[in-house]
Amino acid sequence: MKRYANDAPAGALRIVRRVAVGGAALLAIGGLSGCSDNVTEIQSWMDETRANTPRRTGRIPEPKRFVPFRYEARADIDPFSNAKLQVALARFSDRNKGGITPDLNRRREPLEAFPLDAIRLVGHLHRSSTGSVALLEAGKVIFQVKVGSYLGQHYGRIIRISETEVGLKELVQDAAGDWVERDTSLALQEAMK
């Protein structure tokens, strides 16, 4: 009659288990006993490091005390209310009533399609009938302009023409939305060789 592992008596299985657990415990103890020498090395290194490390002697400054801000403007308009917005709009509309504004109904001139940095002054002519004329290049085309002509995208109007420069006034909006005049100029560009 053949006996299989499953047919072994319960006592024999208990013995095998105890031997296995005991062997594992002996291996763990043996492994840890090899580490005891490293612990003394580490301990001596830590002691040496502590002895060589300089100690801090200065005091850490105390943090600054927080002083809360007391809001005393209770009589003023709340900055987040609709009334504040209405006051600002009233001021804005009063400012723009008498100010400078561009003429949006006039016919636009060809050089107003180009930004000012895309326009180059390439020459100057003086005619007895019309006075000084500037030669401006924009988009590989040469244009003749005189005092009073418009150019650039900021409603720029030519106010003076000399042999080396064209002066103009532009109308631009500031941060508040008001139109203000800005003086600028185009200098004569040397021909590229």
Protein backbone atom coordinates (compact mmCIF):
# COMPACT_ATOMS: atom_id res chain seq x y z
CA MET A 1 0.00 0.00 0.00
CA LYS A 2 1.41 3.40 -1.05
CA ARG A 3 1.34 6.36 1.29
CA TYR A 4 1.13 9.93 0.06
CA ALA A 5 2.13 13.21 1.79
CA ASN A 6 -1.51 13.95 2.47
CA ASP A 7 -1.83 10.67 4.33
CA ALA A 8 0.99 11.52 6.83
CA PRO A 9 -0.05 11.60 10.47
CA ALA A 10 -0.72 15.06 11.96
CA GLY A 11 2.15 14.74 14.44
CA ALA A 12 4.72 14.36 11.69
CA LEU A 13 3.51 17.56 10.01
CA ARG A 14 3.84 19.47 13.26
CA ILE A 15 7.44 18.40 13.63
CA VAL A 16 8.32 19.46 10.10
CA ARG A 17 6.76 22.87 10.68
CA ARG A 18 8.65 23.41 13.97
CA VAL A 19 11.95 22.53 12.33
CA ALA A 20 11.27 24.96 9.49
CA VAL A 21 10.35 27.84 11.84
CA GLY A 22 13.33 27.14 14.08
CA GLY A 23 15.71 27.11 11.11
CA ALA A 24 14.39 30.45 9.89
CA ALA A 25 14.85 31.96 13.36
CA LEU A 26 18.45 30.68 13.54
CA LEU A 27 19.21 32.20 10.13
CA ALA A 28 17.80 35.59 11.19
CA ILE A 29 19.84 35.63 14.42
CA GLY A 30 22.98 34.64 12.52
CA GLY A 31 22.42 37.41 9.97
CA LEU A 32 21.93 40.03 12.66
CA SER A 33 24.98 38.97 14.60
CA GLY A 34 27.12 39.88 11.56
CA CYS A 35 25.78 43.45 11.73
CA SER A 36 26.92 44.11 15.29
CA ASP A 37 30.45 45.09 14.16
CA ASN A 38 29.02 47.72 11.74
CA VAL A 39 27.02 49.27 14.56
CA THR A 40 30.19 50.11 16.49
CA GLU A 41 31.76 51.65 13.36
CA ILE A 42 28.69 53.76 12.73
CA GLN A 43 28.54 54.80 16.39
CA SER A 44 32.19 55.90 16.36
CA TRP A 45 31.64 57.88 13.11
CA MET A 46 28.61 59.65 14.63
CA ASP A 47 30.57 60.56 17.77
CA GLU A 48 33.43 61.96 15.66
CA THR A 49 31.03 63.98 13.47
CA ARG A 50 29.31 65.47 16.53
CA ALA A 51 32.65 66.47 17.99
CA ASN A 52 33.82 68.19 14.77
CA THR A 53 30.57 70.01 13.95
CA PRO A 54 30.63 73.67 15.07
CA ARG A 55 27.80 74.74 17.33
CA ARG A 56 25.58 77.73 16.59
CA THR A 57 25.97 80.42 19.15
CA GLY A 58 23.94 83.24 17.59
CA ARG A 59 20.32 83.78 18.48
CA ILE A 60 17.67 83.50 15.84
CA PRO A 61 15.96 86.89 15.48
CA GLU A 62 12.37 87.05 16.56
CA PRO A 63 9.81 87.33 13.75
CA LYS A 64 8.36 90.75 13.05
CA ARG A 65 5.08 91.47 14.71
CA PHE A 66 2.11 91.78 12.39
CA VAL A 67 0.34 95.09 12.76
CA PRO A 68 -3.16 94.87 11.28
CA PHE A 69 -4.32 97.71 9.03
CA ARG A 70 -7.41 99.48 10.22
CA TYR A 71 -9.70 100.59 7.38
CA GLU A 72 -10.98 104.06 8.28
CA ALA A 73 -12.71 104.99 5.00
CA ARG A 74 -16.21 104.02 6.05
CA ALA A 75 -17.64 107.24 4.64
CA ASP A 76 -16.18 106.56 1.18
CA ILE A 77 -17.96 104.55 -1.49
CA ASP A 78 -17.42 100.80 -1.28
CA PRO A 79 -14.89 99.94 -4.03
CA PHE A 80 -16.95 96.93 -5.10
CA SER A 81 -20.34 98.63 -5.38
CA ASN A 82 -22.20 99.73 -8.50
CA ALA A 83 -22.19 103.30 -7.18
CA LYS A 84 -18.37 103.37 -7.50
CA LEU A 85 -18.64 102.28 -11.12
CA GLN A 86 -21.22 104.96 -11.87
CA VAL A 87 -19.00 107.67 -10.33
CA ALA A 88 -16.04 106.49 -12.44
CA LEU A 89 -18.13 106.43 -15.62
CA ALA A 90 -19.44 109.94 -14.92
CA ARG A 91 -15.87 111.23 -14.49
CA PHE A 92 -14.77 109.45 -17.66
CA SER A 93 -17.61 110.88 -19.77
CA ASP A 94 -16.97 114.41 -18.41
CA ARG A 95 -13.28 114.20 -19.30
CA ASN A 96 -13.86 113.08 -22.88
CA LYS A 97 -16.50 115.72 -23.70
CA GLY A 98 -14.01 118.49 -24.44
CA GLY A 99 -10.95 116.40 -25.29
CA ILE A 100 -9.20 115.51 -28.51
CA THR A 101 -10.75 112.78 -30.64
CA PRO A 102 -9.77 111.44 -34.05
CA ASP A 103 -12.01 112.25 -37.01
CA LEU A 104 -13.48 108.85 -37.79
CA ASN A 105 -15.64 110.16 -40.66
CA ARG A 106 -12.80 111.35 -42.90
CA ARG A 107 -11.57 109.24 -45.78
CA ARG A 108 -8.51 107.17 -44.84
CA GLU A 109 -5.29 107.68 -46.80
CA PRO A 110 -3.27 104.75 -48.25
CA LEU A 111 -0.37 105.07 -45.77
CA GLU A 112 -2.74 104.65 -42.81
CA ALA A 113 -2.95 100.94 -43.63
CA PHE A 114 0.72 100.45 -42.59
CA PRO A 115 2.16 100.52 -39.07
CA LEU A 116 4.67 103.31 -38.57
CA ASP A 117 7.63 100.93 -38.28
CA ALA A 118 6.86 99.55 -41.76
CA ILE A 119 7.18 103.00 -43.38
CA ARG A 120 10.63 104.33 -44.37
CA LEU A 121 11.65 107.87 -45.32
CA VAL A 122 13.74 107.44 -48.48
CA GLY A 123 13.90 110.95 -49.93
CA HIS A 124 12.93 114.61 -49.93
CA LEU A 125 11.85 116.98 -52.71
CA HIS A 126 11.31 120.71 -52.63
CA ARG A 127 8.78 122.05 -55.12
CA SER A 128 8.13 125.73 -55.57
CA SER A 129 4.40 125.15 -56.06
CA THR A 130 3.65 122.78 -53.14
CA GLY A 131 6.65 123.22 -50.83
CA SER A 132 8.48 120.26 -49.29
CA VAL A 133 7.45 116.74 -50.21
CA ALA A 134 8.71 113.59 -48.49
CA LEU A 135 9.18 110.28 -50.30
CA LEU A 136 8.04 107.39 -48.12
CA GLU A 137 8.36 103.69 -48.93
CA ALA A 138 5.76 101.23 -47.67
CA GLY A 139 5.12 97.78 -49.11
CA LYS A 140 7.75 98.30 -51.87
CA VAL A 141 5.82 101.33 -53.19
CA ILE A 142 7.02 104.96 -53.01
CA PHE A 143 4.46 107.56 -51.83
CA GLN A 144 4.71 111.36 -51.96
CA VAL A 145 3.36 113.10 -48.83
CA LYS A 146 3.19 116.71 -47.71
CA VAL A 147 2.42 118.52 -44.45
CA GLY A 148 -1.11 117.61 -43.35
CA SER A 149 -1.07 114.07 -44.83
CA TYR A 150 -1.98 111.15 -42.59
CA LEU A 151 0.08 108.00 -42.09
CA GLY A 152 0.42 105.13 -39.62
CA GLN A 153 -2.26 103.26 -37.71
CA HIS A 154 -2.55 105.78 -34.85
CA TYR A 155 -4.11 108.68 -36.78
CA GLY A 156 -0.67 110.24 -37.39
CA ARG A 157 -0.66 113.62 -39.17
CA ILE A 158 2.50 115.12 -40.68
CA ILE A 159 3.37 118.47 -39.08
CA ARG A 160 6.86 119.11 -40.56
CA ILE A 161 9.10 117.83 -43.33
CA SER A 162 12.84 118.39 -43.49
CA GLU A 163 15.61 116.85 -45.57
CA THR A 164 16.36 114.19 -42.94
CA GLU A 165 13.13 113.78 -40.99
CA VAL A 166 9.34 113.75 -41.11
CA GLY A 167 7.66 114.87 -37.86
CA LEU A 168 4.12 113.83 -37.02
CA LYS A 169 1.57 113.87 -34.23
CA GLU A 170 -0.31 110.68 -33.43
CA LEU A 171 -3.51 110.28 -31.42
CA VAL A 172 -3.37 107.39 -28.96
CA GLN A 173 -5.53 106.38 -26.01
CA ASP A 174 -4.02 106.43 -22.54
CA ALA A 175 -4.85 104.02 -19.71
CA ALA A 176 -7.99 105.99 -18.79
CA GLY A 177 -9.28 105.89 -22.37
CA ASP A 178 -8.58 109.57 -23.13
CA TRP A 179 -7.11 110.53 -26.50
CA VAL A 180 -3.71 112.19 -26.18
CA GLU A 181 -1.25 113.50 -28.76
CA ARG A 182 2.14 111.89 -29.12
CA ASP A 183 5.00 113.41 -31.14
CA THR A 184 7.05 111.00 -33.24
CA SER A 185 9.19 111.12 -36.34
CA LEU A 186 10.58 109.12 -39.24
CA ALA A 187 14.30 109.55 -39.94
CA LEU A 188 15.93 109.25 -43.33
CA GLN A 189 17.08 105.68 -44.03
CA GLU A 190 20.38 105.15 -45.77
CA ALA A 191 20.14 103.05 -48.95
CA MET A 192 21.18 99.42 -48.48
CA LYS A 193 24.14 98.51 -50.73
